[in-house]
Amino acid sequence: MQMAGPTSQRRVLVVEDDASIRELLRLHLDLAGFAIDEAGEGRSALERARATPFDLVLLDVMLPGLDGVSICRALRNGGPSVLIRFLRQLRCLFLGKMCAA
C-alpha cells in the first residue's frame, strides 16, 4: 500500500451513520492534519472508497444500505489497497482509556 507523501495530506474516509460520532471524528482528524471525507451509509461509502484513493477508512459495522463487513470485503476483493479500521475497535479502546482515567 502506498501512503501519501510527506508533503501531502493523508486522506481518511469516515464511515459512520451517527452524525455526532462522525463530527467528533472529523474534528479530531482535522486537527491532526488529515483530509477527511465522510459517508453516513454503506453504499455511498463504497462508491467513495472505490472512486478516491484513501490512506485509511474508519468503518462502522452497522450501517444503513450496506454493512461495514460487506464494504470491507468489497474493498479487499478488487478495490484499491487501503488500511481499514473498524470503529467498534476504536470505541472500545477509547472507552477503556476513559474508564482507566
PDB file of N, CA and C in Angstrom:
ATOM      1  N   MET A   1       0.843  -1.179   0.000  1.00  0.00           N
ATOM      2  CA  MET A   1       0.000   0.000   0.000  1.00  0.00           C
ATOM      3  C   MET A   1       0.883   1.236   0.000  1.00  0.00           C
ATOM      4  N   GLN A   2       0.582   2.160  -0.865  1.00  0.00           N
ATOM      5  CA  GLN A   2       1.356   3.393  -0.948  1.00  0.00           C
ATOM      6  C   GLN A   2       0.632   4.490  -0.180  1.00  0.00           C
ATOM      7  N   MET A   3       1.325   5.065   0.771  1.00  0.00           N
ATOM      8  CA  MET A   3       0.748   6.134   1.578  1.00  0.00           C
ATOM      9  C   MET A   3       1.077   7.474   0.929  1.00  0.00           C
ATOM     10  N   ALA A   4       0.339   8.482   1.321  1.00  0.00           N
ATOM     11  CA  ALA A   4       0.584   9.830   0.814  1.00  0.00           C
ATOM     12  C   ALA A   4       1.987  10.276   1.214  1.00  0.00           C
ATOM     13  N   GLY A   5       2.593  11.071   0.358  1.00  0.00           N
ATOM     14  CA  GLY A   5       3.939  11.562   0.619  1.00  0.00           C
ATOM     15  C   GLY A   5       3.969  12.521   1.794  1.00  0.00           C
ATOM     16  N   PRO A   6       5.180  12.888   2.271  1.00  0.00           N
ATOM     17  CA  PRO A   6       5.302  13.735   3.452  1.00  0.00           C
ATOM     18  C   PRO A   6       4.738  15.140   3.257  1.00  0.00           C
ATOM     19  N   THR A   7       4.645  15.613   2.006  1.00  0.00           N
ATOM     20  CA  THR A   7       4.144  16.968   1.794  1.00  0.00           C
ATOM     21  C   THR A   7       2.644  17.013   1.506  1.00  0.00           C
ATOM     22  N   SER A   8       2.010  15.860   1.293  1.00  0.00           N
ATOM     23  CA  SER A   8       0.581  15.861   1.021  1.00  0.00           C
ATOM     24  C   SER A   8      -0.192  15.371   2.242  1.00  0.00           C
ATOM     25  N   GLN A   9      -1.439  15.808   2.337  1.00  0.00           N
ATOM     26  CA  GLN A   9      -2.272  15.382   3.449  1.00  0.00           C
ATOM     27  C   GLN A   9      -2.686  13.935   3.263  1.00  0.00           C
ATOM     28  N   ARG A  10      -2.729  13.213   4.329  1.00  0.00           N
ATOM     29  CA  ARG A  10      -3.240  11.851   4.299  1.00  0.00           C
ATOM     30  C   ARG A  10      -4.762  11.925   4.271  1.00  0.00           C
ATOM     31  N   ARG A  11      -5.369  11.084   3.429  1.00  0.00           N
ATOM     32  CA  ARG A  11      -6.821  11.105   3.230  1.00  0.00           C
ATOM     33  C   ARG A  11      -7.483   9.994   4.040  1.00  0.00           C
ATOM     34  N   VAL A  12      -8.546  10.369   4.770  1.00  0.00           N
ATOM     35  CA  VAL A  12      -9.291   9.430   5.600  1.00  0.00           C
ATOM     36  C   VAL A  12     -10.759   9.492   5.219  1.00  0.00           C
ATOM     37  N   LEU A  13     -11.363   8.311   5.051  1.00  0.00           N
ATOM     38  CA  LEU A  13     -12.804   8.216   4.848  1.00  0.00           C
ATOM     39  C   LEU A  13     -13.419   7.742   6.152  1.00  0.00           C
ATOM     40  N   VAL A  14     -14.304   8.556   6.736  1.00  0.00           N
ATOM     41  CA  VAL A  14     -15.004   8.207   7.968  1.00  0.00           C
ATOM     42  C   VAL A  14     -16.403   7.742   7.580  1.00  0.00           C
ATOM     43  N   VAL A  15     -16.709   6.475   7.891  1.00  0.00           N
ATOM     44  CA  VAL A  15     -17.999   5.885   7.545  1.00  0.00           C
ATOM     45  C   VAL A  15     -18.733   5.564   8.841  1.00  0.00           C
ATOM     46  N   GLU A  16     -19.711   6.383   9.173  1.00  0.00           N
ATOM     47  CA  GLU A  16     -20.455   6.269  10.439  1.00  0.00           C
ATOM     48  C   GLU A  16     -21.827   6.884  10.229  1.00  0.00           C
ATOM     49  N   ASP A  17     -22.881   6.159  10.601  1.00  0.00           N
ATOM     50  CA  ASP A  17     -24.233   6.686  10.407  1.00  0.00           C
ATOM     51  C   ASP A  17     -24.674   7.634  11.513  1.00  0.00           C
ATOM     52  N   ASP A  18     -24.002   7.626  12.642  1.00  0.00           N
ATOM     53  CA  ASP A  18     -24.324   8.549  13.731  1.00  0.00           C
ATOM     54  C   ASP A  18     -23.581   9.868  13.479  1.00  0.00           C
ATOM     55  N   ALA A  19     -24.333  10.915  13.157  1.00  0.00           N
ATOM     56  CA  ALA A  19     -23.739  12.203  12.773  1.00  0.00           C
ATOM     57  C   ALA A  19     -22.864  12.797  13.873  1.00  0.00           C
ATOM     58  N   SER A  20     -23.219  12.607  15.140  1.00  0.00           N
ATOM     59  CA  SER A  20     -22.423  13.191  16.226  1.00  0.00           C
ATOM     60  C   SER A  20     -21.060  12.502  16.341  1.00  0.00           C
ATOM     61  N   ILE A  21     -21.017  11.203  16.165  1.00  0.00           N
ATOM     62  CA  ILE A  21     -19.741  10.479  16.198  1.00  0.00           C
ATOM     63  C   ILE A  21     -18.899  10.861  14.984  1.00  0.00           C
ATOM     64  N   ARG A  22     -19.545  10.943  13.823  1.00  0.00           N
ATOM     65  CA  ARG A  22     -18.850  11.339  12.600  1.00  0.00           C
ATOM     66  C   ARG A  22     -18.235  12.729  12.766  1.00  0.00           C
ATOM     67  N   GLU A  23     -18.979  13.650  13.341  1.00  0.00           N
ATOM     68  CA  GLU A  23     -18.493  15.020  13.553  1.00  0.00           C
ATOM     69  C   GLU A  23     -17.315  15.039  14.523  1.00  0.00           C
ATOM     70  N   LEU A  24     -17.392  14.274  15.589  1.00  0.00           N
ATOM     71  CA  LEU A  24     -16.302  14.208  16.567  1.00  0.00           C
ATOM     72  C   LEU A  24     -15.026  13.668  15.913  1.00  0.00           C
ATOM     73  N   LEU A  25     -15.169  12.604  15.145  1.00  0.00           N
ATOM     74  CA  LEU A  25     -14.012  12.049  14.443  1.00  0.00           C
ATOM     75  C   LEU A  25     -13.443  13.052  13.451  1.00  0.00           C
ATOM     76  N   ARG A  26     -14.331  13.727  12.710  1.00  0.00           N
ATOM     77  CA  ARG A  26     -13.888  14.714  11.733  1.00  0.00           C
ATOM     78  C   ARG A  26     -13.095  15.829  12.402  1.00  0.00           C
ATOM     79  N   LEU A  27     -13.579  16.326  13.532  1.00  0.00           N
ATOM     80  CA  LEU A  27     -12.888  17.404  14.245  1.00  0.00           C
ATOM     81  C   LEU A  27     -11.484  16.983  14.686  1.00  0.00           C
ATOM     82  N   HIS A  28     -11.380  15.800  15.264  1.00  0.00           N
ATOM     83  CA  HIS A  28     -10.077  15.326  15.751  1.00  0.00           C
ATOM     84  C   HIS A  28      -9.116  15.034  14.603  1.00  0.00           C
ATOM     85  N   LEU A  29      -9.620  14.426  13.550  1.00  0.00           N
ATOM     86  CA  LEU A  29      -8.765  14.135  12.402  1.00  0.00           C
ATOM     87  C   LEU A  29      -8.324  15.411  11.701  1.00  0.00           C
ATOM     88  N   ASP A  30      -9.219  16.379  11.631  1.00  0.00           N
ATOM     89  CA  ASP A  30      -8.882  17.667  11.019  1.00  0.00           C
ATOM     90  C   ASP A  30      -7.787  18.368  11.824  1.00  0.00           C
ATOM     91  N   LEU A  31      -7.916  18.344  13.136  1.00  0.00           N
ATOM     92  CA  LEU A  31      -6.890  18.948  13.994  1.00  0.00           C
ATOM     93  C   LEU A  31      -5.538  18.253  13.832  1.00  0.00           C
ATOM     94  N   ALA A  32      -5.578  16.957  13.521  1.00  0.00           N
ATOM     95  CA  ALA A  32      -4.346  16.191  13.327  1.00  0.00           C
ATOM     96  C   ALA A  32      -3.772  16.364  11.919  1.00  0.00           C
ATOM     97  N   GLY A  33      -4.475  17.122  11.068  1.00  0.00           N
ATOM     98  CA  GLY A  33      -3.940  17.430   9.753  1.00  0.00           C
ATOM     99  C   GLY A  33      -4.360  16.516   8.623  1.00  0.00           C
ATOM    100  N   PHE A  34      -5.381  15.686   8.847  1.00  0.00           N
ATOM    101  CA  PHE A  34      -5.849  14.777   7.812  1.00  0.00           C
ATOM    102  C   PHE A  34      -6.884  15.455   6.918  1.00  0.00           C
ATOM    103  N   ALA A  35      -6.939  15.032   5.659  1.00  0.00           N
ATOM    104  CA  ALA A  35      -8.024  15.415   4.754  1.00  0.00           C
ATOM    105  C   ALA A  35      -9.124  14.383   4.957  1.00  0.00           C
ATOM    106  N   ILE A  36     -10.338  14.825   5.264  1.00  0.00           N
ATOM    107  CA  ILE A  36     -11.409  13.922   5.659  1.00  0.00           C
ATOM    108  C   ILE A  36     -12.548  13.963   4.664  1.00  0.00           C
ATOM    109  N   ASP A  37     -13.050  12.769   4.350  1.00  0.00           N
ATOM    110  CA  ASP A  37     -14.293  12.631   3.604  1.00  0.00           C
ATOM    111  C   ASP A  37     -15.206  11.802   4.497  1.00  0.00           C
ATOM    112  N   GLU A  38     -16.515  12.011   4.383  1.00  0.00           N
ATOM    113  CA  GLU A  38     -17.452  11.335   5.269  1.00  0.00           C
ATOM    114  C   GLU A  38     -18.549  10.654   4.475  1.00  0.00           C
ATOM    115  N   ALA A  39     -19.075   9.568   5.056  1.00  0.00           N
ATOM    116  CA  ALA A  39     -20.240   8.891   4.497  1.00  0.00           C
ATOM    117  C   ALA A  39     -21.095   8.414   5.664  1.00  0.00           C
ATOM    118  N   GLY A  40     -22.406   8.560   5.520  1.00  0.00           N
ATOM    119  CA  GLY A  40     -23.331   8.164   6.573  1.00  0.00           C
ATOM    120  C   GLY A  40     -24.061   6.863   6.300  1.00  0.00           C
ATOM    121  N   GLU A  41     -23.820   6.273   5.137  1.00  0.00           N
ATOM    122  CA  GLU A  41     -24.436   4.984   4.830  1.00  0.00           C
ATOM    123  C   GLU A  41     -23.511   4.176   3.925  1.00  0.00           C
ATOM    124  N   GLY A  42     -23.754   2.870   3.862  1.00  0.00           N
ATOM    125  CA  GLY A  42     -22.819   1.948   3.259  1.00  0.00           C
ATOM    126  C   GLY A  42     -22.585   2.073   1.765  1.00  0.00           C
ATOM    127  N   ARG A  43     -23.636   2.217   1.002  1.00  0.00           N
ATOM    128  CA  ARG A  43     -23.468   2.234  -0.463  1.00  0.00           C
ATOM    129  C   ARG A  43     -22.664   3.449  -0.932  1.00  0.00           C
ATOM    130  N   SER A  44     -22.961   4.614  -0.386  1.00  0.00           N
ATOM    131  CA  SER A  44     -22.189   5.800  -0.788  1.00  0.00           C
ATOM    132  C   SER A  44     -20.743   5.697  -0.301  1.00  0.00           C
ATOM    133  N   ALA A  45     -20.532   5.059   0.850  1.00  0.00           N
ATOM    134  CA  ALA A  45     -19.170   4.862   1.354  1.00  0.00           C
ATOM    135  C   ALA A  45     -18.365   3.997   0.397  1.00  0.00           C
ATOM    136  N   LEU A  46     -18.958   2.914  -0.086  1.00  0.00           N
ATOM    137  CA  LEU A  46     -18.259   2.035  -1.010  1.00  0.00           C
ATOM    138  C   LEU A  46     -17.945   2.751  -2.324  1.00  0.00           C
ATOM    139  N   GLU A  47     -18.885   3.530  -2.813  1.00  0.00           N
ATOM    140  CA  GLU A  47     -18.658   4.303  -4.042  1.00  0.00           C
ATOM    141  C   GLU A  47     -17.491   5.275  -3.864  1.00  0.00           C
ATOM    142  N   ARG A  48     -17.469   5.989  -2.736  1.00  0.00           N
ATOM    143  CA  ARG A  48     -16.380   6.941  -2.474  1.00  0.00           C
ATOM    144  C   ARG A  48     -15.041   6.235  -2.338  1.00  0.00           C
ATOM    145  N   ALA A  49     -15.036   5.115  -1.623  1.00  0.00           N
ATOM    146  CA  ALA A  49     -13.786   4.382  -1.404  1.00  0.00           C
ATOM    147  C   ALA A  49     -13.224   3.834  -2.713  1.00  0.00           C
ATOM    148  N   ARG A  50     -14.089   3.485  -3.632  1.00  0.00           N
ATOM    149  CA  ARG A  50     -13.633   2.983  -4.939  1.00  0.00           C
ATOM    150  C   ARG A  50     -13.192   4.124  -5.864  1.00  0.00           C
ATOM    151  N   ALA A  51     -13.783   5.294  -5.692  1.00  0.00           N
ATOM    152  CA  ALA A  51     -13.515   6.415  -6.602  1.00  0.00           C
ATOM    153  C   ALA A  51     -12.320   7.262  -6.182  1.00  0.00           C
ATOM    154  N   THR A  52     -12.004   7.281  -4.895  1.00  0.00           N
ATOM    155  CA  THR A  52     -10.973   8.163  -4.363  1.00  0.00           C
ATOM    156  C   THR A  52      -9.943   7.345  -3.594  1.00  0.00           C
ATOM    157  N   PRO A  53      -8.659   7.584  -3.823  1.00  0.00           N
ATOM    158  CA  PRO A  53      -7.646   6.860  -3.034  1.00  0.00           C
ATOM    159  C   PRO A  53      -7.566   7.414  -1.604  1.00  0.00           C
ATOM    160  N   PHE A  54      -7.819   6.560  -0.629  1.00  0.00           N
ATOM    161  CA  PHE A  54      -7.726   6.933   0.779  1.00  0.00           C
ATOM    162  C   PHE A  54      -6.563   6.176   1.416  1.00  0.00           C
ATOM    163  N   ASP A  55      -5.955   6.799   2.416  1.00  0.00           N
ATOM    164  CA  ASP A  55      -4.904   6.145   3.184  1.00  0.00           C
ATOM    165  C   ASP A  55      -5.489   5.288   4.297  1.00  0.00           C
ATOM    166  N   LEU A  56      -6.692   5.670   4.748  1.00  0.00           N
ATOM    167  CA  LEU A  56      -7.347   4.979   5.853  1.00  0.00           C
ATOM    168  C   LEU A  56      -8.852   5.094   5.692  1.00  0.00           C
ATOM    169  N   VAL A  57      -9.559   3.993   5.989  1.00  0.00           N
ATOM    170  CA  VAL A  57     -11.021   4.008   6.050  1.00  0.00           C
ATOM    171  C   VAL A  57     -11.404   3.625   7.472  1.00  0.00           C
ATOM    172  N   LEU A  58     -12.078   4.536   8.182  1.00  0.00           N
ATOM    173  CA  LEU A  58     -12.629   4.252   9.507  1.00  0.00           C
ATOM    174  C   LEU A  58     -14.074   3.841   9.274  1.00  0.00           C
ATOM    175  N   LEU A  59     -14.403   2.606   9.614  1.00  0.00           N
ATOM    176  CA  LEU A  59     -15.627   1.977   9.143  1.00  0.00           C
ATOM    177  C   LEU A  59     -16.464   1.440  10.294  1.00  0.00           C
ATOM    178  N   ASP A  60     -17.702   1.902  10.383  1.00  0.00           N
ATOM    179  CA  ASP A  60     -18.654   1.355  11.345  1.00  0.00           C
ATOM    180  C   ASP A  60     -19.137  -0.001  10.822  1.00  0.00           C
ATOM    181  N   VAL A  61     -19.562  -0.871  11.707  1.00  0.00           N
ATOM    182  CA  VAL A  61     -20.033  -2.190  11.302  1.00  0.00           C
ATOM    183  C   VAL A  61     -21.501  -2.129  10.895  1.00  0.00           C
ATOM    184  N   MET A  62     -22.331  -1.533  11.728  1.00  0.00           N
ATOM    185  CA  MET A  62     -23.772  -1.471  11.485  1.00  0.00           C
ATOM    186  C   MET A  62     -24.100  -0.173  10.750  1.00  0.00           C
ATOM    187  N   LEU A  63     -24.432  -0.303   9.462  1.00  0.00           N
ATOM    188  CA  LEU A  63     -24.726   0.863   8.626  1.00  0.00           C
ATOM    189  C   LEU A  63     -25.991   0.621   7.817  1.00  0.00           C
ATOM    190  N   PRO A  64     -26.722   1.672   7.503  1.00  0.00           N
ATOM    191  CA  PRO A  64     -27.848   1.501   6.579  1.00  0.00           C
ATOM    192  C   PRO A  64     -27.337   1.309   5.151  1.00  0.00           C
ATOM    193  N   GLY A  65     -28.071   0.538   4.376  1.00  0.00           N
ATOM    194  CA  GLY A  65     -27.726   0.349   2.968  1.00  0.00           C
ATOM    195  C   GLY A  65     -26.809  -0.821   2.716  1.00  0.00           C
ATOM    196  N   LEU A  66     -25.670  -0.837   3.367  1.00  0.00           N
ATOM    197  CA  LEU A  66     -24.668  -1.889   3.200  1.00  0.00           C
ATOM    198  C   LEU A  66     -23.817  -1.889   4.462  1.00  0.00           C
ATOM    199  N   ASP A  67     -23.680  -3.055   5.096  1.00  0.00           N
ATOM    200  CA  ASP A  67     -22.955  -3.092   6.371  1.00  0.00           C
ATOM    201  C   ASP A  67     -21.443  -2.985   6.160  1.00  0.00           C
ATOM    202  N   GLY A  68     -20.749  -2.653   7.223  1.00  0.00           N
ATOM    203  CA  GLY A  68     -19.318  -2.422   7.168  1.00  0.00           C
ATOM    204  C   GLY A  68     -18.500  -3.632   6.763  1.00  0.00           C
ATOM    205  N   VAL A  69     -18.924  -4.822   7.174  1.00  0.00           N
ATOM    206  CA  VAL A  69     -18.194  -6.035   6.806  1.00  0.00           C
ATOM    207  C   VAL A  69     -18.281  -6.248   5.296  1.00  0.00           C
ATOM    208  N   SER A  70     -19.440  -6.006   4.708  1.00  0.00           N
ATOM    209  CA  SER A  70     -19.598  -6.141   3.251  1.00  0.00           C
ATOM    210  C   SER A  70     -18.750  -5.117   2.503  1.00  0.00           C
ATOM    211  N   ILE A  71     -18.669  -3.910   3.040  1.00  0.00           N
ATOM    212  CA  ILE A  71     -17.811  -2.880   2.427  1.00  0.00           C
ATOM    213  C   ILE A  71     -16.356  -3.320   2.481  1.00  0.00           C
ATOM    214  N   CYS A  72     -15.936  -3.824   3.622  1.00  0.00           N
ATOM    215  CA  CYS A  72     -14.561  -4.290   3.795  1.00  0.00           C
ATOM    216  C   CYS A  72     -14.250  -5.402   2.789  1.00  0.00           C
ATOM    217  N   ARG A  73     -15.139  -6.369   2.675  1.00  0.00           N
ATOM    218  CA  ARG A  73     -14.932  -7.471   1.720  1.00  0.00           C
ATOM    219  C   ARG A  73     -14.838  -6.950   0.293  1.00  0.00           C
ATOM    220  N   ALA A  74     -15.726  -6.020  -0.066  1.00  0.00           N
ATOM    221  CA  ALA A  74     -15.726  -5.473  -1.426  1.00  0.00           C
ATOM    222  C   ALA A  74     -14.420  -4.742  -1.719  1.00  0.00           C
ATOM    223  N   LEU A  75     -13.899  -4.004  -0.751  1.00  0.00           N
ATOM    224  CA  LEU A  75     -12.644  -3.285  -0.951  1.00  0.00           C
ATOM    225  C   LEU A  75     -11.454  -4.237  -1.021  1.00  0.00           C
ATOM    226  N   ARG A  76     -11.507  -5.310  -0.274  1.00  0.00           N
ATOM    227  CA  ARG A  76     -10.414  -6.292  -0.288  1.00  0.00           C
ATOM    228  C   ARG A  76     -10.423  -7.121  -1.570  1.00  0.00           C
ATOM    229  N   ASN A  77     -11.587  -7.289  -2.187  1.00  0.00           N
ATOM    230  CA  ASN A  77     -11.728  -8.094  -3.408  1.00  0.00           C
ATOM    231  C   ASN A  77     -11.779  -7.193  -4.633  1.00  0.00           C
ATOM    232  N   GLY A  78     -10.638  -6.681  -5.033  1.00  0.00           N
ATOM    233  CA  GLY A  78     -10.572  -5.929  -6.273  1.00  0.00           C
ATOM    234  C   GLY A  78     -10.574  -4.427  -6.120  1.00  0.00           C
ATOM    235  N   GLY A  79     -10.693  -3.938  -4.917  1.00  0.00           N
ATOM    236  CA  GLY A  79     -10.648  -2.493  -4.714  1.00  0.00           C
ATOM    237  C   GLY A  79      -9.220  -2.025  -4.509  1.00  0.00           C
ATOM    238  N   PRO A  80      -9.050  -0.723  -4.319  1.00  0.00           N
ATOM    239  CA  PRO A  80      -7.708  -0.199  -4.057  1.00  0.00           C
ATOM    240  C   PRO A  80      -7.192  -0.685  -2.701  1.00  0.00           C
ATOM    241  N   SER A  81      -5.894  -0.776  -2.573  1.00  0.00           N
ATOM    242  CA  SER A  81      -5.290  -1.190  -1.319  1.00  0.00           C
ATOM    243  C   SER A  81      -5.422  -0.049  -0.310  1.00  0.00           C
ATOM    244  N   VAL A  82      -6.072  -0.315   0.814  1.00  0.00           N
ATOM    245  CA  VAL A  82      -6.306   0.721   1.819  1.00  0.00           C
ATOM    246  C   VAL A  82      -6.337   0.080   3.202  1.00  0.00           C
ATOM    247  N   LEU A  83      -5.841   0.795   4.190  1.00  0.00           N
ATOM    248  CA  LEU A  83      -5.914   0.347   5.574  1.00  0.00           C
ATOM    249  C   LEU A  83      -7.334   0.583   6.075  1.00  0.00           C
ATOM    250  N   ILE A  84      -7.947  -0.450   6.639  1.00  0.00           N
ATOM    251  CA  ILE A  84      -9.316  -0.344   7.148  1.00  0.00           C
ATOM    252  C   ILE A  84      -9.292  -0.620   8.641  1.00  0.00           C
ATOM    253  N   ARG A  85      -9.941   0.248   9.403  1.00  0.00           N
ATOM    254  CA  ARG A  85     -10.068   0.059  10.851  1.00  0.00           C
ATOM    255  C   ARG A  85     -11.555   0.186  11.192  1.00  0.00           C
ATOM    256  N   PHE A  86     -12.082  -0.814  11.883  1.00  0.00           N
ATOM    257  CA  PHE A  86     -13.483  -0.762  12.282  1.00  0.00           C
ATOM    258  C   PHE A  86     -13.643   0.142  13.494  1.00  0.00           C
ATOM    259  N   LEU A  87     -14.647   0.999  13.454  1.00  0.00           N
ATOM    260  CA  LEU A  87     -14.871   1.971  14.527  1.00  0.00           C
ATOM    261  C   LEU A  87     -15.195   1.305  15.857  1.00  0.00           C
ATOM    262  N   ARG A  88     -15.823   0.161  15.845  1.00  0.00           N
ATOM    263  CA  ARG A  88     -16.147  -0.533  17.101  1.00  0.00           C
ATOM    264  C   ARG A  88     -14.866  -0.773  17.897  1.00  0.00           C
ATOM    265  N   GLN A  89     -13.777  -1.132  17.228  1.00  0.00           N
ATOM    266  CA  GLN A  89     -12.493  -1.342  17.895  1.00  0.00           C
ATOM    267  C   GLN A  89     -11.997  -0.045  18.516  1.00  0.00           C
ATOM    268  N   LEU A  90     -12.132   1.045  17.807  1.00  0.00           N
ATOM    269  CA  LEU A  90     -11.676   2.337  18.318  1.00  0.00           C
ATOM    270  C   LEU A  90     -12.513   2.792  19.496  1.00  0.00           C
ATOM    271  N   ARG A  91     -13.829   2.558  19.433  1.00  0.00           N
ATOM    272  CA  ARG A  91     -14.703   2.935  20.561  1.00  0.00           C
ATOM    273  C   ARG A  91     -14.314   2.168  21.813  1.00  0.00           C
ATOM    274  N   CYS A  92     -14.060   0.868  21.677  1.00  0.00           N
ATOM    275  CA  CYS A  92     -13.672   0.057  22.834  1.00  0.00           C
ATOM    276  C   CYS A  92     -12.362   0.568  23.428  1.00  0.00           C
ATOM    277  N   LEU A  93     -11.413   0.889  22.569  1.00  0.00           N
ATOM    278  CA  LEU A  93     -10.136   1.410  23.025  1.00  0.00           C
ATOM    279  C   LEU A  93     -10.325   2.732  23.747  1.00  0.00           C
ATOM    280  N   PHE A  94     -11.124   3.640  23.169  1.00  0.00           N
ATOM    281  CA  PHE A  94     -11.386   4.941  23.752  1.00  0.00           C
ATOM    282  C   PHE A  94     -12.100   4.802  25.093  1.00  0.00           C
ATOM    283  N   LEU A  95     -13.135   3.968  25.149  1.00  0.00           N
ATOM    284  CA  LEU A  95     -13.884   3.783  26.409  1.00  0.00           C
ATOM    285  C   LEU A  95     -13.007   3.153  27.473  1.00  0.00           C
ATOM    286  N   GLY A  96     -12.135   2.241  27.078  1.00  0.00           N
ATOM    287  CA  GLY A  96     -11.216   1.621  28.040  1.00  0.00           C
ATOM    288  C   GLY A  96     -10.278   2.652  28.647  1.00  0.00           C
ATOM    289  N   LYS A  97      -9.785   3.570  27.842  1.00  0.00           N
ATOM    290  CA  LYS A  97      -8.903   4.620  28.350  1.00  0.00           C
ATOM    291  C   LYS A  97      -9.671   5.589  29.235  1.00  0.00           C
ATOM    292  N   MET A  98     -10.925   5.872  28.871  1.00  0.00           N
ATOM    293  CA  MET A  98     -11.746   6.783  29.683  1.00  0.00           C
ATOM    294  C   MET A  98     -12.015   6.162  31.056  1.00  0.00           C
ATOM    295  N   CYS A  99     -12.289   4.874  31.095  1.00  0.00           N
ATOM    296  CA  CYS A  99     -12.592   4.198  32.364  1.00  0.00           C
ATOM    297  C   CYS A  99     -11.356   4.085  33.242  1.00  0.00           C
ATOM    298  N   ALA A 100     -10.190   3.959  32.618  1.00  0.00           N
ATOM    299  CA  ALA A 100      -8.945   3.821  33.388  1.00  0.00           C
ATOM    300  C   ALA A 100      -8.484   5.155  33.971  1.00  0.00           C
ATOM    301  N   ALA A 101      -8.981   6.257  33.413  1.00  0.00           N
ATOM    302  CA  ALA A 101      -8.525   7.573  33.855  1.00  0.00           C
ATOM    303  C   ALA A 101      -9.099   7.941  35.201  1.00  0.00           C
TER     304      ALA A 101
END
